[in-house]
């Protein structure tokens, strides 16, 4: 069975769900960023993922991770 694929605004191409999950988990600090070789600019990744509808927290209607909340707080001050 093939994985769902969708457009990634960070990488500017269609990616499979598992790569998206790895990127968001690495941006959040749950896995090593070194594990995700497709991303070279992690500050850009954090900003892009924070606003992406495909991020796991948005797709699953979950509370946003701490790094996303911090970005929101910083943008409001």
N, C-alpha and C. Protein backbone atom coordinates (compact mmCIF):
# COMPACT_ATOMS: atom_id res chain seq x y z
N UNK A 1 0.84 -1.17 0.00
CA UNK A 1 0.00 0.00 0.00
C UNK A 1 0.90 1.24 0.00
N UNK A 2 0.61 2.20 -0.87
CA UNK A 2 1.43 3.40 -0.94
C UNK A 2 0.94 4.45 0.06
N UNK A 3 1.87 5.30 0.47
CA UNK A 3 1.55 6.34 1.43
C UNK A 3 0.88 7.52 0.75
N UNK A 4 0.07 8.24 1.52
CA UNK A 4 -0.54 9.47 1.04
C UNK A 4 0.57 10.48 0.76
N UNK A 5 0.44 11.21 -0.33
CA UNK A 5 1.40 12.26 -0.67
C UNK A 5 0.65 13.58 -0.80
N UNK A 6 1.32 14.66 -0.44
CA UNK A 6 0.73 15.98 -0.56
C UNK A 6 1.85 17.00 -0.70
N UNK A 7 1.49 18.21 -1.11
CA UNK A 7 2.46 19.26 -1.36
C UNK A 7 3.07 19.78 -0.06
N UNK A 8 4.37 19.88 -0.03
CA UNK A 8 5.11 20.41 1.10
C UNK A 8 5.62 21.81 0.74
N UNK A 9 5.12 22.85 1.43
CA UNK A 9 5.58 24.20 1.11
C UNK A 9 7.05 24.45 1.46
N UNK A 10 7.60 23.67 2.38
CA UNK A 10 9.01 23.81 2.73
C UNK A 10 9.90 23.30 1.61
N UNK A 11 9.62 22.08 1.15
CA UNK A 11 10.45 21.46 0.12
C UNK A 11 9.99 21.79 -1.29
N UNK A 12 8.82 22.42 -1.39
CA UNK A 12 8.24 22.85 -2.67
C UNK A 12 8.04 21.69 -3.65
N UNK A 13 7.54 20.58 -3.10
CA UNK A 13 7.23 19.41 -3.91
C UNK A 13 6.31 18.49 -3.12
N UNK A 14 5.72 17.50 -3.81
CA UNK A 14 4.92 16.50 -3.12
C UNK A 14 5.82 15.58 -2.32
N UNK A 15 5.41 15.30 -1.09
CA UNK A 15 6.15 14.36 -0.23
C UNK A 15 5.16 13.38 0.38
N UNK A 16 5.68 12.24 0.84
CA UNK A 16 4.83 11.25 1.50
C UNK A 16 4.66 11.63 2.96
N UNK A 17 3.60 11.13 3.55
CA UNK A 17 3.24 11.47 4.92
C UNK A 17 4.37 11.16 5.91
N UNK A 18 5.09 10.08 5.72
CA UNK A 18 6.15 9.73 6.68
C UNK A 18 7.27 10.77 6.68
N UNK A 19 7.60 11.33 5.52
CA UNK A 19 8.63 12.38 5.49
C UNK A 19 8.11 13.64 6.17
N UNK A 20 6.86 13.98 5.94
CA UNK A 20 6.26 15.13 6.62
C UNK A 20 6.32 14.93 8.13
N UNK A 21 5.95 13.77 8.59
CA UNK A 21 6.01 13.48 10.03
C UNK A 21 7.41 13.61 10.57
N UNK A 22 8.39 13.09 9.84
CA UNK A 22 9.78 13.19 10.28
C UNK A 22 10.23 14.65 10.35
N UNK A 23 9.84 15.45 9.37
CA UNK A 23 10.22 16.86 9.38
C UNK A 23 9.60 17.56 10.58
N UNK A 24 8.32 17.37 10.80
CA UNK A 24 7.66 18.05 11.91
C UNK A 24 8.19 17.56 13.26
N UNK A 25 8.45 16.27 13.37
CA UNK A 25 9.01 15.76 14.63
C UNK A 25 10.41 16.30 14.87
N UNK A 26 11.22 16.42 13.83
CA UNK A 26 12.56 16.98 13.99
C UNK A 26 12.50 18.47 14.30
N UNK A 27 11.58 19.19 13.67
CA UNK A 27 11.42 20.61 13.96
C UNK A 27 11.02 20.81 15.42
N UNK A 28 10.23 19.89 15.92
CA UNK A 28 9.75 19.95 17.30
C UNK A 28 10.80 19.47 18.30
N UNK A 29 11.85 18.78 17.82
CA UNK A 29 12.89 18.28 18.70
C UNK A 29 12.63 16.87 19.22
N UNK A 30 11.65 16.19 18.66
CA UNK A 30 11.34 14.82 19.11
C UNK A 30 12.28 13.79 18.51
N UNK A 31 12.84 14.10 17.33
CA UNK A 31 13.87 13.24 16.72
C UNK A 31 15.00 14.15 16.27
N UNK A 32 16.15 13.58 16.01
CA UNK A 32 17.31 14.36 15.59
C UNK A 32 17.08 14.96 14.20
N UNK A 33 17.44 16.23 14.07
CA UNK A 33 17.36 16.88 12.76
C UNK A 33 18.31 16.22 11.77
N UNK A 34 19.38 15.63 12.24
CA UNK A 34 20.33 14.94 11.37
C UNK A 34 19.68 13.75 10.67
N UNK A 35 18.62 13.22 11.25
CA UNK A 35 17.90 12.09 10.67
C UNK A 35 17.15 12.48 9.40
N UNK A 36 16.83 13.77 9.24
CA UNK A 36 16.03 14.24 8.11
C UNK A 36 16.93 15.03 7.18
N UNK A 37 17.54 14.34 6.24
CA UNK A 37 18.51 14.97 5.35
C UNK A 37 17.88 15.85 4.27
N UNK A 38 16.58 15.78 4.09
CA UNK A 38 15.90 16.58 3.07
C UNK A 38 15.83 18.05 3.46
N UNK A 39 16.06 18.36 4.74
CA UNK A 39 15.95 19.74 5.22
C UNK A 39 17.33 20.26 5.59
N UNK A 40 17.64 21.47 5.09
CA UNK A 40 18.93 22.06 5.43
C UNK A 40 18.79 23.30 6.30
N UNK A 41 17.62 23.94 6.28
CA UNK A 41 17.40 25.16 7.05
C UNK A 41 16.29 24.91 8.07
N UNK A 42 16.67 24.60 9.29
CA UNK A 42 15.68 24.21 10.30
C UNK A 42 14.90 25.39 10.86
N UNK A 43 15.47 26.59 10.84
CA UNK A 43 14.68 27.75 11.27
C UNK A 43 13.55 28.00 10.27
N UNK A 44 13.86 27.87 8.98
CA UNK A 44 12.82 28.00 7.95
C UNK A 44 11.80 26.88 8.10
N UNK A 45 12.26 25.67 8.39
CA UNK A 45 11.36 24.54 8.58
C UNK A 45 10.40 24.79 9.73
N UNK A 46 10.91 25.31 10.83
CA UNK A 46 10.05 25.58 11.99
C UNK A 46 8.95 26.57 11.63
N UNK A 47 9.32 27.63 10.93
CA UNK A 47 8.34 28.64 10.53
C UNK A 47 7.33 28.08 9.54
N UNK A 48 7.81 27.32 8.57
CA UNK A 48 6.93 26.77 7.54
C UNK A 48 6.00 25.72 8.13
N UNK A 49 6.54 24.82 8.92
CA UNK A 49 5.72 23.76 9.51
C UNK A 49 4.70 24.33 10.49
N UNK A 50 5.08 25.38 11.20
CA UNK A 50 4.17 25.98 12.18
C UNK A 50 2.89 26.47 11.52
N UNK A 51 2.98 26.85 10.25
CA UNK A 51 1.84 27.41 9.54
C UNK A 51 1.23 26.44 8.52
N UNK A 52 1.70 25.21 8.50
CA UNK A 52 1.28 24.25 7.47
C UNK A 52 0.08 23.42 7.91
N UNK A 53 -0.92 23.36 7.07
CA UNK A 53 -2.11 22.55 7.35
C UNK A 53 -1.85 21.06 7.35
N UNK A 54 -0.72 20.63 6.78
CA UNK A 54 -0.40 19.20 6.76
C UNK A 54 0.38 18.74 7.98
N UNK A 55 0.82 19.66 8.82
CA UNK A 55 1.53 19.27 10.05
C UNK A 55 0.61 18.39 10.89
N UNK A 56 1.18 17.39 11.53
CA UNK A 56 0.36 16.39 12.22
C UNK A 56 -0.58 17.01 13.24
N UNK A 57 -0.14 18.07 13.91
CA UNK A 57 -1.00 18.68 14.93
C UNK A 57 -2.21 19.36 14.29
N UNK A 58 -2.05 19.90 13.09
CA UNK A 58 -3.18 20.52 12.39
C UNK A 58 -4.10 19.46 11.79
N UNK A 59 -3.52 18.44 11.19
CA UNK A 59 -4.33 17.39 10.57
C UNK A 59 -5.16 16.61 11.59
N UNK A 60 -4.65 16.53 12.81
CA UNK A 60 -5.33 15.74 13.85
C UNK A 60 -6.00 16.60 14.91
N UNK A 61 -6.09 17.91 14.63
CA UNK A 61 -6.76 18.84 15.54
C UNK A 61 -6.20 18.74 16.96
N UNK A 62 -4.88 18.72 17.06
CA UNK A 62 -4.19 18.59 18.34
C UNK A 62 -3.69 19.96 18.80
N UNK A 63 -3.32 20.05 20.06
CA UNK A 63 -2.69 21.26 20.57
C UNK A 63 -1.35 21.44 19.87
N UNK A 64 -1.03 22.68 19.55
CA UNK A 64 0.22 22.93 18.84
C UNK A 64 1.41 22.68 19.75
N UNK A 65 2.52 22.24 19.17
CA UNK A 65 3.73 22.01 19.97
C UNK A 65 4.26 23.32 20.56
N UNK A 66 5.12 23.21 21.55
CA UNK A 66 5.67 24.37 22.23
C UNK A 66 6.38 25.33 21.27
N UNK A 67 7.15 24.79 20.31
CA UNK A 67 7.88 25.69 19.42
C UNK A 67 6.93 26.50 18.55
N UNK A 68 5.78 25.95 18.19
CA UNK A 68 4.80 26.68 17.41
C UNK A 68 4.18 27.78 18.27
N UNK A 69 3.81 27.44 19.50
CA UNK A 69 3.23 28.45 20.39
C UNK A 69 4.21 29.58 20.65
N UNK A 70 5.49 29.25 20.77
CA UNK A 70 6.51 30.27 20.98
C UNK A 70 6.58 31.20 19.77
N UNK A 71 6.51 30.65 18.56
CA UNK A 71 6.54 31.47 17.36
C UNK A 71 5.31 32.39 17.30
N UNK A 72 4.16 31.85 17.69
CA UNK A 72 2.93 32.65 17.72
C UNK A 72 3.07 33.79 18.72
N UNK A 73 3.55 33.46 19.92
CA UNK A 73 3.72 34.47 20.96
C UNK A 73 4.68 35.57 20.52
N UNK A 74 5.78 35.17 19.88
CA UNK A 74 6.78 36.15 19.43
C UNK A 74 6.21 37.06 18.34
N UNK A 75 5.37 36.52 17.48
CA UNK A 75 4.81 37.33 16.39
C UNK A 75 3.76 38.32 16.90
N UNK A 76 3.18 38.02 18.05
CA UNK A 76 2.15 38.90 18.62
C UNK A 76 2.73 39.99 19.50
N UNK A 77 4.01 39.87 19.83
CA UNK A 77 4.60 40.90 20.71
C UNK A 77 5.36 41.94 19.94
